[in-house]
Amino acid sequence: LGDWQKMVAASSLDPELRSDEELDP
């Protein structure tokens, strides 16, 4: 769930929901 949450936030089309955190290796 944590990995998935990072993915959907990193790819969000909504700037308010988008995360700037880079996905670690």
mmCIF file of all heavy atoms, coordinates in Angstrom:
data_MODEL
# 
_entry.id   MODEL 
# 
loop_
_atom_site.group_PDB 
_atom_site.id 
_atom_site.type_symbol 
_atom_site.label_atom_id 
_atom_site.label_alt_id 
_atom_site.label_comp_id 
_atom_site.label_asym_id 
_atom_site.label_entity_id 
_atom_site.label_seq_id 
_atom_site.pdbx_PDB_ins_code 
_atom_site.Cartn_x 
_atom_site.Cartn_y 
_atom_site.Cartn_z 
_atom_site.occupancy 
_atom_site.B_iso_or_equiv 
_atom_site.pdbx_formal_charge 
_atom_site.auth_seq_id 
_atom_site.auth_comp_id 
_atom_site.auth_asym_id 
_atom_site.auth_atom_id 
_atom_site.pdbx_PDB_model_num 
ATOM 1   N N   . LEU A 1 1  ? 0.826  -1.204 0.000   1.00 0.00 ? 1  LEU A N   1 
ATOM 2   C CA  . LEU A 1 1  ? 0.000  0.000  0.000   1.00 0.00 ? 1  LEU A CA  1 
ATOM 3   C C   . LEU A 1 1  ? 0.863  1.259  0.000   1.00 0.00 ? 1  LEU A C   1 
ATOM 4   O O   . LEU A 1 1  ? 0.553  2.239  -0.685  1.00 0.00 ? 1  LEU A O   1 
ATOM 5   C CB  . LEU A 1 1  ? -0.920 0.013  1.224   1.00 0.00 ? 1  LEU A CB  1 
ATOM 6   C CG  . LEU A 1 1  ? -2.342 -0.503 1.072   1.00 0.00 ? 1  LEU A CG  1 
ATOM 7   C CD1 . LEU A 1 1  ? -3.100 -0.372 2.388   1.00 0.00 ? 1  LEU A CD1 1 
ATOM 8   C CD2 . LEU A 1 1  ? -3.086 0.220  -0.036  1.00 0.00 ? 1  LEU A CD2 1 
ATOM 9   N N   . GLY A 1 2  ? 1.922  1.232  0.782   1.00 0.00 ? 2  GLY A N   1 
ATOM 10  C CA  . GLY A 1 2  ? 2.813  2.389  0.833   1.00 0.00 ? 2  GLY A CA  1 
ATOM 11  C C   . GLY A 1 2  ? 3.470  2.661  -0.508  1.00 0.00 ? 2  GLY A C   1 
ATOM 12  O O   . GLY A 1 2  ? 3.550  3.815  -0.949  1.00 0.00 ? 2  GLY A O   1 
ATOM 13  N N   . ASP A 1 3  ? 3.946  1.615  -1.165  1.00 0.00 ? 3  ASP A N   1 
ATOM 14  C CA  . ASP A 1 3  ? 4.556  1.776  -2.491  1.00 0.00 ? 3  ASP A CA  1 
ATOM 15  C C   . ASP A 1 3  ? 3.529  2.310  -3.487  1.00 0.00 ? 3  ASP A C   1 
ATOM 16  O O   . ASP A 1 3  ? 3.820  3.209  -4.291  1.00 0.00 ? 3  ASP A O   1 
ATOM 17  C CB  . ASP A 1 3  ? 5.104  0.440  -2.992  1.00 0.00 ? 3  ASP A CB  1 
ATOM 18  C CG  . ASP A 1 3  ? 6.298  -0.046 -2.187  1.00 0.00 ? 3  ASP A CG  1 
ATOM 19  O OD1 . ASP A 1 3  ? 6.911  0.782  -1.472  1.00 0.00 ? 3  ASP A OD1 1 
ATOM 20  O OD2 . ASP A 1 3  ? 6.610  -1.250 -2.272  1.00 0.00 ? 3  ASP A OD2 1 
ATOM 21  N N   . TRP A 1 4  ? 2.339  1.741  -3.438  1.00 0.00 ? 4  TRP A N   1 
ATOM 22  C CA  . TRP A 1 4  ? 1.267  2.170  -4.347  1.00 0.00 ? 4  TRP A CA  1 
ATOM 23  C C   . TRP A 1 4  ? 0.906  3.638  -4.100  1.00 0.00 ? 4  TRP A C   1 
ATOM 24  O O   . TRP A 1 4  ? 0.722  4.405  -5.056  1.00 0.00 ? 4  TRP A O   1 
ATOM 25  C CB  . TRP A 1 4  ? 0.050  1.270  -4.145  1.00 0.00 ? 4  TRP A CB  1 
ATOM 26  C CG  . TRP A 1 4  ? -1.190 1.743  -4.834  1.00 0.00 ? 4  TRP A CG  1 
ATOM 27  C CD1 . TRP A 1 4  ? -1.531 1.542  -6.144  1.00 0.00 ? 4  TRP A CD1 1 
ATOM 28  C CD2 . TRP A 1 4  ? -2.250 2.511  -4.258  1.00 0.00 ? 4  TRP A CD2 1 
ATOM 29  N NE1 . TRP A 1 4  ? -2.741 2.142  -6.412  1.00 0.00 ? 4  TRP A NE1 1 
ATOM 30  C CE2 . TRP A 1 4  ? -3.197 2.732  -5.266  1.00 0.00 ? 4  TRP A CE2 1 
ATOM 31  C CE3 . TRP A 1 4  ? -2.484 3.013  -2.980  1.00 0.00 ? 4  TRP A CE3 1 
ATOM 32  C CZ2 . TRP A 1 4  ? -4.374 3.444  -5.037  1.00 0.00 ? 4  TRP A CZ2 1 
ATOM 33  C CZ3 . TRP A 1 4  ? -3.658 3.732  -2.747  1.00 0.00 ? 4  TRP A CZ3 1 
ATOM 34  C CH2 . TRP A 1 4  ? -4.579 3.933  -3.776  1.00 0.00 ? 4  TRP A CH2 1 
ATOM 35  N N   . GLN A 1 5  ? 0.823  4.034  -2.830  1.00 0.00 ? 5  GLN A N   1 
ATOM 36  C CA  . GLN A 1 5  ? 0.476  5.416  -2.507  1.00 0.00 ? 5  GLN A CA  1 
ATOM 37  C C   . GLN A 1 5  ? 1.517  6.380  -3.076  1.00 0.00 ? 5  GLN A C   1 
ATOM 38  O O   . GLN A 1 5  ? 1.177  7.449  -3.599  1.00 0.00 ? 5  GLN A O   1 
ATOM 39  C CB  . GLN A 1 5  ? 0.374  5.590  -0.998  1.00 0.00 ? 5  GLN A CB  1 
ATOM 40  C CG  . GLN A 1 5  ? -0.147 6.946  -0.568  1.00 0.00 ? 5  GLN A CG  1 
ATOM 41  C CD  . GLN A 1 5  ? -1.612 7.132  -0.914  1.00 0.00 ? 5  GLN A CD  1 
ATOM 42  O OE1 . GLN A 1 5  ? -2.453 6.353  -0.487  1.00 0.00 ? 5  GLN A OE1 1 
ATOM 43  N NE2 . GLN A 1 5  ? -1.919 8.148  -1.708  1.00 0.00 ? 5  GLN A NE2 1 
ATOM 44  N N   . LYS A 1 6  ? 2.789  6.020  -2.977  1.00 0.00 ? 6  LYS A N   1 
ATOM 45  C CA  . LYS A 1 6  ? 3.836  6.860  -3.549  1.00 0.00 ? 6  LYS A CA  1 
ATOM 46  C C   . LYS A 1 6  ? 3.672  6.978  -5.064  1.00 0.00 ? 6  LYS A C   1 
ATOM 47  O O   . LYS A 1 6  ? 3.859  8.050  -5.637  1.00 0.00 ? 6  LYS A O   1 
ATOM 48  C CB  . LYS A 1 6  ? 5.212  6.283  -3.210  1.00 0.00 ? 6  LYS A CB  1 
ATOM 49  C CG  . LYS A 1 6  ? 5.593  6.356  -1.742  1.00 0.00 ? 6  LYS A CG  1 
ATOM 50  C CD  . LYS A 1 6  ? 6.952  5.718  -1.511  1.00 0.00 ? 6  LYS A CD  1 
ATOM 51  C CE  . LYS A 1 6  ? 7.337  5.733  -0.037  1.00 0.00 ? 6  LYS A CE  1 
ATOM 52  N NZ  . LYS A 1 6  ? 8.656  5.075  0.190   1.00 0.00 ? 6  LYS A NZ  1 
ATOM 53  N N   . MET A 1 7  ? 3.322  5.863  -5.702  1.00 0.00 ? 7  MET A N   1 
ATOM 54  C CA  . MET A 1 7  ? 3.189  5.858  -7.158  1.00 0.00 ? 7  MET A CA  1 
ATOM 55  C C   . MET A 1 7  ? 2.037  6.748  -7.616  1.00 0.00 ? 7  MET A C   1 
ATOM 56  O O   . MET A 1 7  ? 2.202  7.574  -8.526  1.00 0.00 ? 7  MET A O   1 
ATOM 57  C CB  . MET A 1 7  ? 2.967  4.432  -7.662  1.00 0.00 ? 7  MET A CB  1 
ATOM 58  C CG  . MET A 1 7  ? 2.784  4.343  -9.174  1.00 0.00 ? 7  MET A CG  1 
ATOM 59  S SD  . MET A 1 7  ? 2.169  2.731  -9.723  1.00 0.00 ? 7  MET A SD  1 
ATOM 60  C CE  . MET A 1 7  ? 0.473  2.773  -9.133  1.00 0.00 ? 7  MET A CE  1 
ATOM 61  N N   . VAL A 1 8  ? 0.844  6.594  -7.006  1.00 0.00 ? 8  VAL A N   1 
ATOM 62  C CA  . VAL A 1 8  ? -0.311 7.362  -7.466  1.00 0.00 ? 8  VAL A CA  1 
ATOM 63  C C   . VAL A 1 8  ? -0.124 8.848  -7.174  1.00 0.00 ? 8  VAL A C   1 
ATOM 64  O O   . VAL A 1 8  ? -0.601 9.704  -7.941  1.00 0.00 ? 8  VAL A O   1 
ATOM 65  C CB  . VAL A 1 8  ? -1.632 6.837  -6.846  1.00 0.00 ? 8  VAL A CB  1 
ATOM 66  C CG1 . VAL A 1 8  ? -1.901 5.414  -7.319  1.00 0.00 ? 8  VAL A CG1 1 
ATOM 67  C CG2 . VAL A 1 8  ? -1.629 6.920  -5.332  1.00 0.00 ? 8  VAL A CG2 1 
ATOM 68  N N   . ALA A 1 9  ? 0.585  9.180  -6.084  1.00 0.00 ? 9  ALA A N   1 
ATOM 69  C CA  . ALA A 1 9  ? 0.832  10.587 -5.769  1.00 0.00 ? 9  ALA A CA  1 
ATOM 70  C C   . ALA A 1 9  ? 1.867  11.190 -6.717  1.00 0.00 ? 9  ALA A C   1 
ATOM 71  O O   . ALA A 1 9  ? 1.724  12.327 -7.169  1.00 0.00 ? 9  ALA A O   1 
ATOM 72  C CB  . ALA A 1 9  ? 1.287  10.739 -4.320  1.00 0.00 ? 9  ALA A CB  1 
ATOM 73  N N   . ALA A 1 10 ? 2.900  10.420 -7.038  1.00 0.00 ? 10 ALA A N   1 
ATOM 74  C CA  . ALA A 1 10 ? 3.943  10.924 -7.938  1.00 0.00 ? 10 ALA A CA  1 
ATOM 75  C C   . ALA A 1 10 ? 3.403  11.161 -9.342  1.00 0.00 ? 10 ALA A C   1 
ATOM 76  O O   . ALA A 1 10 ? 3.904  12.015 -10.074 1.00 0.00 ? 10 ALA A O   1 
ATOM 77  C CB  . ALA A 1 10 ? 5.107  9.941  -7.986  1.00 0.00 ? 10 ALA A CB  1 
ATOM 78  N N   . SER A 1 11 ? 2.363  10.418 -9.740  1.00 0.00 ? 11 SER A N   1 
ATOM 79  C CA  . SER A 1 11 ? 1.829  10.522 -11.100 1.00 0.00 ? 11 SER A CA  1 
ATOM 80  C C   . SER A 1 11 ? 0.527  11.307 -11.172 1.00 0.00 ? 11 SER A C   1 
ATOM 81  O O   . SER A 1 11 ? -0.109 11.350 -12.226 1.00 0.00 ? 11 SER A O   1 
ATOM 82  C CB  . SER A 1 11 ? 1.596  9.115  -11.672 1.00 0.00 ? 11 SER A CB  1 
ATOM 83  O OG  . SER A 1 11 ? 0.702  8.375  -10.840 1.00 0.00 ? 11 SER A OG  1 
ATOM 84  N N   . SER A 1 12 ? 0.114  11.946 -10.078 1.00 0.00 ? 12 SER A N   1 
ATOM 85  C CA  . SER A 1 12 ? -1.175 12.630 -10.056 1.00 0.00 ? 12 SER A CA  1 
ATOM 86  C C   . SER A 1 12 ? -1.222 13.777 -11.062 1.00 0.00 ? 12 SER A C   1 
ATOM 87  O O   . SER A 1 12 ? -0.267 14.549 -11.212 1.00 0.00 ? 12 SER A O   1 
ATOM 88  C CB  . SER A 1 12 ? -1.466 13.173 -8.657  1.00 0.00 ? 12 SER A CB  1 
ATOM 89  O OG  . SER A 1 12 ? -2.719 13.845 -8.646  1.00 0.00 ? 12 SER A OG  1 
ATOM 90  N N   . LEU A 1 13 ? -2.363 13.904 -11.729 1.00 0.00 ? 13 LEU A N   1 
ATOM 91  C CA  . LEU A 1 13 ? -2.597 15.009 -12.652 1.00 0.00 ? 13 LEU A CA  1 
ATOM 92  C C   . LEU A 1 13 ? -3.011 16.277 -11.919 1.00 0.00 ? 13 LEU A C   1 
ATOM 93  O O   . LEU A 1 13 ? -3.037 17.356 -12.520 1.00 0.00 ? 13 LEU A O   1 
ATOM 94  C CB  . LEU A 1 13 ? -3.688 14.624 -13.655 1.00 0.00 ? 13 LEU A CB  1 
ATOM 95  C CG  . LEU A 1 13 ? -3.397 13.406 -14.533 1.00 0.00 ? 13 LEU A CG  1 
ATOM 96  C CD1 . LEU A 1 13 ? -4.588 13.103 -15.436 1.00 0.00 ? 13 LEU A CD1 1 
ATOM 97  C CD2 . LEU A 1 13 ? -2.146 13.628 -15.363 1.00 0.00 ? 13 LEU A CD2 1 
ATOM 98  N N   . ASP A 1 14 ? -3.345 16.155 -10.637 1.00 0.00 ? 14 ASP A N   1 
ATOM 99  C CA  . ASP A 1 14 ? -3.773 17.294 -9.833  1.00 0.00 ? 14 ASP A CA  1 
ATOM 100 C C   . ASP A 1 14 ? -2.565 17.831 -9.063  1.00 0.00 ? 14 ASP A C   1 
ATOM 101 O O   . ASP A 1 14 ? -2.006 17.139 -8.216  1.00 0.00 ? 14 ASP A O   1 
ATOM 102 C CB  . ASP A 1 14 ? -4.862 16.853 -8.853  1.00 0.00 ? 14 ASP A CB  1 
ATOM 103 C CG  . ASP A 1 14 ? -5.453 18.010 -8.064  1.00 0.00 ? 14 ASP A CG  1 
ATOM 104 O OD1 . ASP A 1 14 ? -4.815 19.077 -7.986  1.00 0.00 ? 14 ASP A OD1 1 
ATOM 105 O OD2 . ASP A 1 14 ? -6.553 17.841 -7.519  1.00 0.00 ? 14 ASP A OD2 1 
ATOM 106 N N   . PRO A 1 15 ? -2.146 19.068 -9.333  1.00 0.00 ? 15 PRO A N   1 
ATOM 107 C CA  . PRO A 1 15 ? -0.969 19.617 -8.633  1.00 0.00 ? 15 PRO A CA  1 
ATOM 108 C C   . PRO A 1 15 ? -1.094 19.596 -7.119  1.00 0.00 ? 15 PRO A C   1 
ATOM 109 O O   . PRO A 1 15 ? -0.088 19.477 -6.411  1.00 0.00 ? 15 PRO A O   1 
ATOM 110 C CB  . PRO A 1 15 ? -0.887 21.048 -9.166  1.00 0.00 ? 15 PRO A CB  1 
ATOM 111 C CG  . PRO A 1 15 ? -1.601 21.017 -10.478 1.00 0.00 ? 15 PRO A CG  1 
ATOM 112 C CD  . PRO A 1 15 ? -2.701 20.008 -10.311 1.00 0.00 ? 15 PRO A CD  1 
ATOM 113 N N   . GLU A 1 16 ? -2.320 19.699 -6.608  1.00 0.00 ? 16 GLU A N   1 
ATOM 114 C CA  . GLU A 1 16 ? -2.509 19.711 -5.164  1.00 0.00 ? 16 GLU A CA  1 
ATOM 115 C C   . GLU A 1 16 ? -2.326 18.325 -4.552  1.00 0.00 ? 16 GLU A C   1 
ATOM 116 O O   . GLU A 1 16 ? -2.075 18.209 -3.346  1.00 0.00 ? 16 GLU A O   1 
ATOM 117 C CB  . GLU A 1 16 ? -3.895 20.257 -4.820  1.00 0.00 ? 16 GLU A CB  1 
ATOM 118 C CG  . GLU A 1 16 ? -4.086 21.726 -5.197  1.00 0.00 ? 16 GLU A CG  1 
ATOM 119 C CD  . GLU A 1 16 ? -5.420 22.266 -4.739  1.00 0.00 ? 16 GLU A CD  1 
ATOM 120 O OE1 . GLU A 1 16 ? -6.164 21.505 -4.077  1.00 0.00 ? 16 GLU A OE1 1 
ATOM 121 O OE2 . GLU A 1 16 ? -5.726 23.432 -5.033  1.00 0.00 ? 16 GLU A OE2 1 
ATOM 122 N N   . LEU A 1 17 ? -2.464 17.290 -5.345  1.00 0.00 ? 17 LEU A N   1 
ATOM 123 C CA  . LEU A 1 17 ? -2.296 15.925 -4.857  1.00 0.00 ? 17 LEU A CA  1 
ATOM 124 C C   . LEU A 1 17 ? -0.936 15.348 -5.225  1.00 0.00 ? 17 LEU A C   1 
ATOM 125 O O   . LEU A 1 17 ? -0.512 14.345 -4.645  1.00 0.00 ? 17 LEU A O   1 
ATOM 126 C CB  . LEU A 1 17 ? -3.392 15.013 -5.430  1.00 0.00 ? 17 LEU A CB  1 
ATOM 127 C CG  . LEU A 1 17 ? -4.839 15.372 -5.085  1.00 0.00 ? 17 LEU A CG  1 
ATOM 128 C CD1 . LEU A 1 17 ? -5.789 14.427 -5.808  1.00 0.00 ? 17 LEU A CD1 1 
ATOM 129 C CD2 . LEU A 1 17 ? -5.074 15.309 -3.589  1.00 0.00 ? 17 LEU A CD2 1 
ATOM 130 N N   . ARG A 1 18 ? -0.263 15.989 -6.187  1.00 0.00 ? 18 ARG A N   1 
ATOM 131 C CA  . ARG A 1 18 ? 0.988  15.443 -6.698  1.00 0.00 ? 18 ARG A CA  1 
ATOM 132 C C   . ARG A 1 18 ? 2.109  15.578 -5.678  1.00 0.00 ? 18 ARG A C   1 
ATOM 133 O O   . ARG A 1 18 ? 2.271  16.606 -5.031  1.00 0.00 ? 18 ARG A O   1 
ATOM 134 C CB  . ARG A 1 18 ? 1.370  16.144 -7.993  1.00 0.00 ? 18 ARG A CB  1 
ATOM 135 C CG  . ARG A 1 18 ? 2.587  15.528 -8.702  1.00 0.00 ? 18 ARG A CG  1 
ATOM 136 C CD  . ARG A 1 18 ? 2.927  16.325 -9.944  1.00 0.00 ? 18 ARG A CD  1 
ATOM 137 N NE  . ARG A 1 18 ? 1.769  16.489 -10.796 1.00 0.00 ? 18 ARG A NE  1 
ATOM 138 C CZ  . ARG A 1 18 ? 1.427  17.644 -11.365 1.00 0.00 ? 18 ARG A CZ  1 
ATOM 139 N NH1 . ARG A 1 18 ? 2.171  18.728 -11.164 1.00 0.00 ? 18 ARG A NH1 1 
ATOM 140 N NH2 . ARG A 1 18 ? 0.355  17.719 -12.131 1.00 0.00 ? 18 ARG A NH2 1 
ATOM 141 N N   . SER A 1 19 ? 2.882  14.507 -5.550  1.00 0.00 ? 19 SER A N   1 
ATOM 142 C CA  . SER A 1 19 ? 4.034  14.502 -4.661  1.00 0.00 ? 19 SER A CA  1 
ATOM 143 C C   . SER A 1 19 ? 5.295  14.739 -5.470  1.00 0.00 ? 19 SER A C   1 
ATOM 144 O O   . SER A 1 19 ? 5.459  14.190 -6.561  1.00 0.00 ? 19 SER A O   1 
ATOM 145 C CB  . SER A 1 19 ? 4.130  13.159 -3.933  1.00 0.00 ? 19 SER A CB  1 
ATOM 146 O OG  . SER A 1 19 ? 5.359  13.042 -3.259  1.00 0.00 ? 19 SER A OG  1 
ATOM 147 N N   . ASP A 1 20 ? 6.186  15.561 -4.929  1.00 0.00 ? 20 ASP A N   1 
ATOM 148 C CA  . ASP A 1 20 ? 7.467  15.815 -5.591  1.00 0.00 ? 20 ASP A CA  1 
ATOM 149 C C   . ASP A 1 20 ? 8.535  14.827 -5.142  1.00 0.00 ? 20 ASP A C   1 
ATOM 150 O O   . ASP A 1 20 ? 9.674  14.876 -5.613  1.00 0.00 ? 20 ASP A O   1 
ATOM 151 C CB  . ASP A 1 20 ? 7.941  17.243 -5.277  1.00 0.00 ? 20 ASP A CB  1 
ATOM 152 C CG  . ASP A 1 20 ? 7.010  18.297 -5.881  1.00 0.00 ? 20 ASP A CG  1 
ATOM 153 O OD1 . ASP A 1 20 ? 6.436  18.018 -6.941  1.00 0.00 ? 20 ASP A OD1 1 
ATOM 154 O OD2 . ASP A 1 20 ? 6.868  19.380 -5.271  1.00 0.00 ? 20 ASP A OD2 1 
ATOM 155 N N   . GLU A 1 21 ? 8.152  13.919 -4.243  1.00 0.00 ? 21 GLU A N   1 
ATOM 156 C CA  . GLU A 1 21 ? 9.102  12.931 -3.737  1.00 0.00 ? 21 GLU A CA  1 
ATOM 157 C C   . GLU A 1 21 ? 9.453  11.921 -4.822  1.00 0.00 ? 21 GLU A C   1 
ATOM 158 O O   . GLU A 1 21 ? 8.568  11.313 -5.437  1.00 0.00 ? 21 GLU A O   1 
ATOM 159 C CB  . GLU A 1 21 ? 8.505  12.196 -2.539  1.00 0.00 ? 21 GLU A CB  1 
ATOM 160 C CG  . GLU A 1 21 ? 9.413  11.133 -1.946  1.00 0.00 ? 21 GLU A CG  1 
ATOM 161 C CD  . GLU A 1 21 ? 8.729  10.368 -0.821  1.00 0.00 ? 21 GLU A CD  1 
ATOM 162 O OE1 . GLU A 1 21 ? 7.581  10.708 -0.474  1.00 0.00 ? 21 GLU A OE1 1 
ATOM 163 O OE2 . GLU A 1 21 ? 9.341  9.409  -0.306  1.00 0.00 ? 21 GLU A OE2 1 
ATOM 164 N N   . GLU A 1 22 ? 10.738 11.748 -5.089  1.00 0.00 ? 22 GLU A N   1 
ATOM 165 C CA  . GLU A 1 22 ? 11.159 10.773 -6.089  1.00 0.00 ? 22 GLU A CA  1 
ATOM 166 C C   . GLU A 1 22 ? 11.077 9.361  -5.519  1.00 0.00 ? 22 GLU A C   1 
ATOM 167 O O   . GLU A 1 22 ? 11.365 9.128  -4.341  1.00 0.00 ? 22 GLU A O   1 
ATOM 168 C CB  . GLU A 1 22 ? 12.598 11.062 -6.535  1.00 0.00 ? 22 GLU A CB  1 
ATOM 169 C CG  . GLU A 1 22 ? 12.753 12.347 -7.319  1.00 0.00 ? 22 GLU A CG  1 
ATOM 170 C CD  . GLU A 1 22 ? 14.150 12.491 -7.899  1.00 0.00 ? 22 GLU A CD  1 
ATOM 171 O OE1 . GLU A 1 22 ? 14.914 11.509 -7.829  1.00 0.00 ? 22 GLU A OE1 1 
ATOM 172 O OE2 . GLU A 1 22 ? 14.457 13.576 -8.425  1.00 0.00 ? 22 GLU A OE2 1 
ATOM 173 N N   . LEU A 1 23 ? 10.666 8.427  -6.355  1.00 0.00 ? 23 LEU A N   1 
ATOM 174 C CA  . LEU A 1 23 ? 10.572 7.036  -5.930  1.00 0.00 ? 23 LEU A CA  1 
ATOM 175 C C   . LEU A 1 23 ? 11.975 6.462  -5.801  1.00 0.00 ? 23 LEU A C   1 
ATOM 176 O O   . LEU A 1 23 ? 12.764 6.518  -6.744  1.00 0.00 ? 23 LEU A O   1 
ATOM 177 C CB  . LEU A 1 23 ? 9.752  6.229  -6.932  1.00 0.00 ? 23 LEU A CB  1 
ATOM 178 C CG  . LEU A 1 23 ? 8.295  6.689  -7.130  1.00 0.00 ? 23 LEU A CG  1 
ATOM 179 C CD1 . LEU A 1 23 ? 7.599  5.807  -8.156  1.00 0.00 ? 23 LEU A CD1 1 
ATOM 180 C CD2 . LEU A 1 23 ? 7.534  6.684  -5.823  1.00 0.00 ? 23 LEU A CD2 1 
ATOM 181 N N   . ASP A 1 24 ? 12.269 5.896  -4.645  1.00 0.00 ? 24 ASP A N   1 
ATOM 182 C CA  . ASP A 1 24 ? 13.594 5.338  -4.425  1.00 0.00 ? 24 ASP A CA  1 
ATOM 183 C C   . ASP A 1 24 ? 13.747 4.028  -5.193  1.00 0.00 ? 24 ASP A C   1 
ATOM 184 O O   . ASP A 1 24 ? 12.748 3.411  -5.589  1.00 0.00 ? 24 ASP A O   1 
ATOM 185 C CB  . ASP A 1 24 ? 13.842 5.109  -2.936  1.00 0.00 ? 24 ASP A CB  1 
ATOM 186 C CG  . ASP A 1 24 ? 12.820 4.161  -2.318  1.00 0.00 ? 24 ASP A CG  1 
ATOM 187 O OD1 . ASP A 1 24 ? 12.976 2.942  -2.481  1.00 0.00 ? 24 ASP A OD1 1 
ATOM 188 O OD2 . ASP A 1 24 ? 11.855 4.658  -1.708  1.00 0.00 ? 24 ASP A OD2 1 
ATOM 189 N N   . PRO A 1 25 ? 14.987 3.572  -5.434  1.00 0.00 ? 25 PRO A N   1 
ATOM 190 C CA  . PRO A 1 25 ? 15.219 2.358  -6.231  1.00 0.00 ? 25 PRO A CA  1 
ATOM 191 C C   . PRO A 1 25 ? 14.476 1.123  -5.706  1.00 0.00 ? 25 PRO A C   1 
ATOM 192 O O   . PRO A 1 25 ? 13.962 0.330  -6.500  1.00 0.00 ? 25 PRO A O   1 
ATOM 193 C CB  . PRO A 1 25 ? 16.736 2.173  -6.152  1.00 0.00 ? 25 PRO A CB  1 
ATOM 194 C CG  . PRO A 1 25 ? 17.272 3.561  -5.943  1.00 0.00 ? 25 PRO A CG  1 
ATOM 195 C CD  . PRO A 1 25 ? 16.259 4.239  -5.071  1.00 0.00 ? 25 PRO A CD  1 
# 
